[in-house]
Amino acid sequence: VALIGLMISLVQQDDVFCNQEKIYIDKFISQLSETKRHEITEKLSNKELSGLISIVETLDAEDQNDILNKLIEIAAVDNKIDGKEAYLICFLANSINVEVQQVVNFMAESYDFDPKLLDEEISRMNNENKQALQADNKNFEQKKQNTDASTVIGYRRHSKL
């Protein structure tokens, strides 16, 4: 349930559900019995990303690594892992206490992932957060929180001044 839900979440990150990703997921799901597919569909209907990650956190380390590897594999199936996909993978890695830098290095070495894409995604998210805070501050006085998207995934590649 968690793997299929995370696979679907991952391929939706970049707003482009390419044919290779569809084939990958269809091939994976076709290995399941009709009963199992129906059961998983039912369970997924009310699961959000946080619930899926909670399930993965309860698994043993081998199963967690298997899920992480499958997510990296599906992210790379269209010959590129983009920043949004990498961010979700790194978020999961951090949630299950896997060293995020090792995951980034693995994606770079095995799938030609450019870590700058993750840095760009972190910057984009930080800018969105700043804009949201500024909009909130116009309406009422609010204590400003300095949260950096890289700390959410335990990734401190870039330095702060």
Protein backbone atom coordinates (compact mmCIF):
# COMPACT_ATOMS: atom_id res chain seq x y z
CA VAL A 1 0.00 0.00 0.00
CA ALA A 2 2.73 2.44 1.01
CA LEU A 3 4.91 1.66 -1.99
CA ILE A 4 2.12 2.08 -4.54
CA GLY A 5 0.85 5.23 -2.85
CA LEU A 6 4.36 6.71 -2.77
CA MET A 7 4.95 5.72 -6.39
CA ILE A 8 1.81 7.56 -7.43
CA SER A 9 2.73 10.59 -5.29
CA LEU A 10 6.21 10.62 -6.78
CA VAL A 11 5.12 10.57 -10.43
CA GLN A 12 2.67 13.39 -9.73
CA GLN A 13 5.38 15.64 -8.25
CA ASP A 14 6.53 17.08 -11.56
CA ASP A 15 3.02 17.41 -13.04
CA VAL A 16 4.11 15.22 -15.97
CA PHE A 17 2.89 11.64 -15.84
CA CYS A 18 4.98 10.21 -18.67
CA ASN A 19 4.34 6.98 -20.50
CA GLN A 20 7.36 5.21 -18.98
CA GLU A 21 6.09 5.96 -15.46
CA LYS A 22 2.63 4.66 -16.35
CA ILE A 23 4.11 1.46 -17.80
CA TYR A 24 6.31 0.97 -14.72
CA ILE A 25 3.37 1.31 -12.32
CA ASP A 26 1.05 -0.82 -14.50
CA LYS A 27 3.68 -3.56 -14.68
CA PHE A 28 4.13 -3.47 -10.91
CA ILE A 29 0.38 -3.56 -10.21
CA SER A 30 -0.31 -6.25 -12.81
CA GLN A 31 1.75 -8.67 -10.71
CA LEU A 32 -0.87 -8.44 -7.97
CA SER A 33 -4.04 -10.51 -7.83
CA GLU A 34 -7.37 -8.85 -8.57
CA THR A 35 -8.33 -9.14 -4.88
CA LYS A 36 -5.05 -7.55 -3.75
CA ARG A 37 -5.43 -4.69 -6.27
CA HIS A 38 -8.94 -3.97 -4.99
CA GLU A 39 -7.77 -4.12 -1.37
CA ILE A 40 -4.88 -1.72 -2.06
CA THR A 41 -7.13 0.68 -3.97
CA GLU A 42 -9.51 0.78 -1.01
CA LYS A 43 -6.71 1.42 1.47
CA LEU A 44 -5.18 4.14 -0.71
CA SER A 45 -8.45 6.04 -1.09
CA ASN A 46 -8.07 7.68 2.32
CA LYS A 47 -4.27 7.80 2.69
CA GLU A 48 -2.29 11.01 2.46
CA LEU A 49 1.46 11.30 2.02
CA SER A 50 2.04 11.60 5.77
CA GLY A 51 0.09 8.37 6.34
CA LEU A 52 2.10 6.55 3.69
CA ILE A 53 5.36 7.70 5.24
CA SER A 54 4.11 6.59 8.67
CA ILE A 55 3.60 3.10 7.25
CA VAL A 56 7.13 3.05 5.83
CA GLU A 57 8.55 4.17 9.19
CA THR A 58 7.16 0.98 10.80
CA LEU A 59 8.88 -1.35 8.31
CA ASP A 60 12.25 -2.98 8.83
CA ALA A 61 15.36 -1.37 7.31
CA GLU A 62 15.51 -3.80 4.38
CA ASP A 63 11.94 -3.04 3.30
CA GLN A 64 12.51 0.70 3.77
CA ASN A 65 15.59 0.57 1.54
CA ASP A 66 13.69 -1.48 -1.04
CA ILE A 67 10.95 1.16 -1.17
CA LEU A 68 13.50 3.95 -1.42
CA ASN A 69 15.30 2.17 -4.27
CA LYS A 70 12.06 1.54 -6.14
CA LEU A 71 11.10 5.21 -5.83
CA ILE A 72 14.49 6.28 -7.15
CA GLU A 73 14.12 3.79 -9.99
CA ILE A 74 10.69 5.09 -11.01
CA ALA A 75 11.87 8.70 -10.73
CA ALA A 76 14.65 7.87 -13.18
CA VAL A 77 12.52 5.81 -15.57
CA ASP A 78 12.03 8.85 -17.83
CA ASN A 79 15.82 9.34 -17.92
CA LYS A 80 15.85 12.21 -15.45
CA ILE A 81 15.20 12.71 -11.77
CA ASP A 82 13.94 16.24 -11.31
CA GLY A 83 14.16 18.42 -8.21
CA LYS A 84 10.60 17.79 -7.01
CA GLU A 85 10.99 14.03 -7.26
CA ALA A 86 14.36 14.21 -5.50
CA TYR A 87 12.84 16.32 -2.73
CA LEU A 88 10.13 13.74 -2.04
CA ILE A 89 12.69 10.92 -2.07
CA CYS A 90 14.94 12.86 0.31
CA PHE A 91 11.98 13.68 2.57
CA LEU A 92 11.20 9.97 2.83
CA ALA A 93 14.87 9.13 3.40
CA ASN A 94 15.11 11.63 6.24
CA SER A 95 11.84 10.33 7.73
CA ILE A 96 13.24 6.81 7.93
CA ASN A 97 16.62 8.00 9.25
CA VAL A 98 18.61 7.34 6.09
CA GLU A 99 21.46 9.79 5.45
CA VAL A 100 20.05 12.16 2.82
CA GLN A 101 23.47 13.02 1.40
CA GLN A 102 24.07 9.31 0.71
CA VAL A 103 20.78 9.14 -1.19
CA VAL A 104 21.68 12.24 -3.21
CA ASN A 105 25.12 10.79 -3.96
CA PHE A 106 23.56 7.46 -5.00
CA MET A 107 21.12 9.20 -7.37
CA ALA A 108 23.99 11.26 -8.82
CA GLU A 109 26.30 8.28 -9.33
CA SER A 110 23.72 5.73 -10.48
CA TYR A 111 21.24 7.87 -12.40
CA ASP A 112 23.19 11.01 -13.40
CA PHE A 113 21.07 13.13 -11.07
CA ASP A 114 22.26 16.72 -10.84
CA PRO A 115 22.15 17.80 -7.15
CA LYS A 116 21.69 21.40 -8.33
CA LEU A 117 18.11 20.43 -9.21
CA LEU A 118 17.47 19.63 -5.54
CA ASP A 119 19.08 22.91 -4.50
CA GLU A 120 16.83 24.75 -6.99
CA GLU A 121 13.74 23.01 -5.60
CA ILE A 122 14.75 23.95 -2.06
CA SER A 123 15.20 27.58 -3.17
CA ARG A 124 11.83 27.55 -4.93
CA MET A 125 10.11 26.21 -1.83
CA ASN A 126 11.86 28.73 0.41
CA ASN A 127 10.73 31.57 -1.88
CA GLU A 128 7.14 30.31 -1.78
CA ASN A 129 7.29 30.12 2.02
CA LYS A 130 8.66 33.68 2.25
CA GLN A 131 5.94 34.99 -0.06
CA ALA A 132 3.26 33.22 1.97
CA LEU A 133 4.63 34.69 5.20
CA GLN A 134 4.72 38.17 3.68
CA ALA A 135 1.10 37.83 2.57
CA ASP A 136 0.11 36.66 6.05
CA ASN A 137 1.98 39.55 7.67
CA LYS A 138 0.02 42.07 5.63
CA ASN A 139 -3.21 40.82 7.17
CA PHE A 140 -2.07 40.54 10.78
CA GLU A 141 1.10 40.69 12.84
CA GLN A 142 2.61 37.23 13.01
CA LYS A 143 5.87 35.91 14.43
CA LYS A 144 8.10 35.14 11.46
CA GLN A 145 9.45 31.61 11.36
CA ASN A 146 12.71 31.05 9.54
CA THR A 147 12.27 27.56 8.17
CA ASP A 148 14.47 26.34 5.40
CA ALA A 149 13.17 23.53 3.19
CA SER A 150 16.58 21.86 3.32
CA THR A 151 16.26 21.29 7.07
CA VAL A 152 12.98 19.45 6.51
CA ILE A 153 14.84 16.79 4.54
CA GLY A 154 18.07 16.96 6.53
CA TYR A 155 20.03 18.30 3.55
CA ARG A 156 22.42 21.18 4.09
CA ARG A 157 24.30 21.36 0.83
CA HIS A 158 24.14 25.12 0.45
CA SER A 159 25.44 27.54 3.03
CA LYS A 160 23.48 30.34 4.58
CA LEU A 161 24.92 33.81 5.04
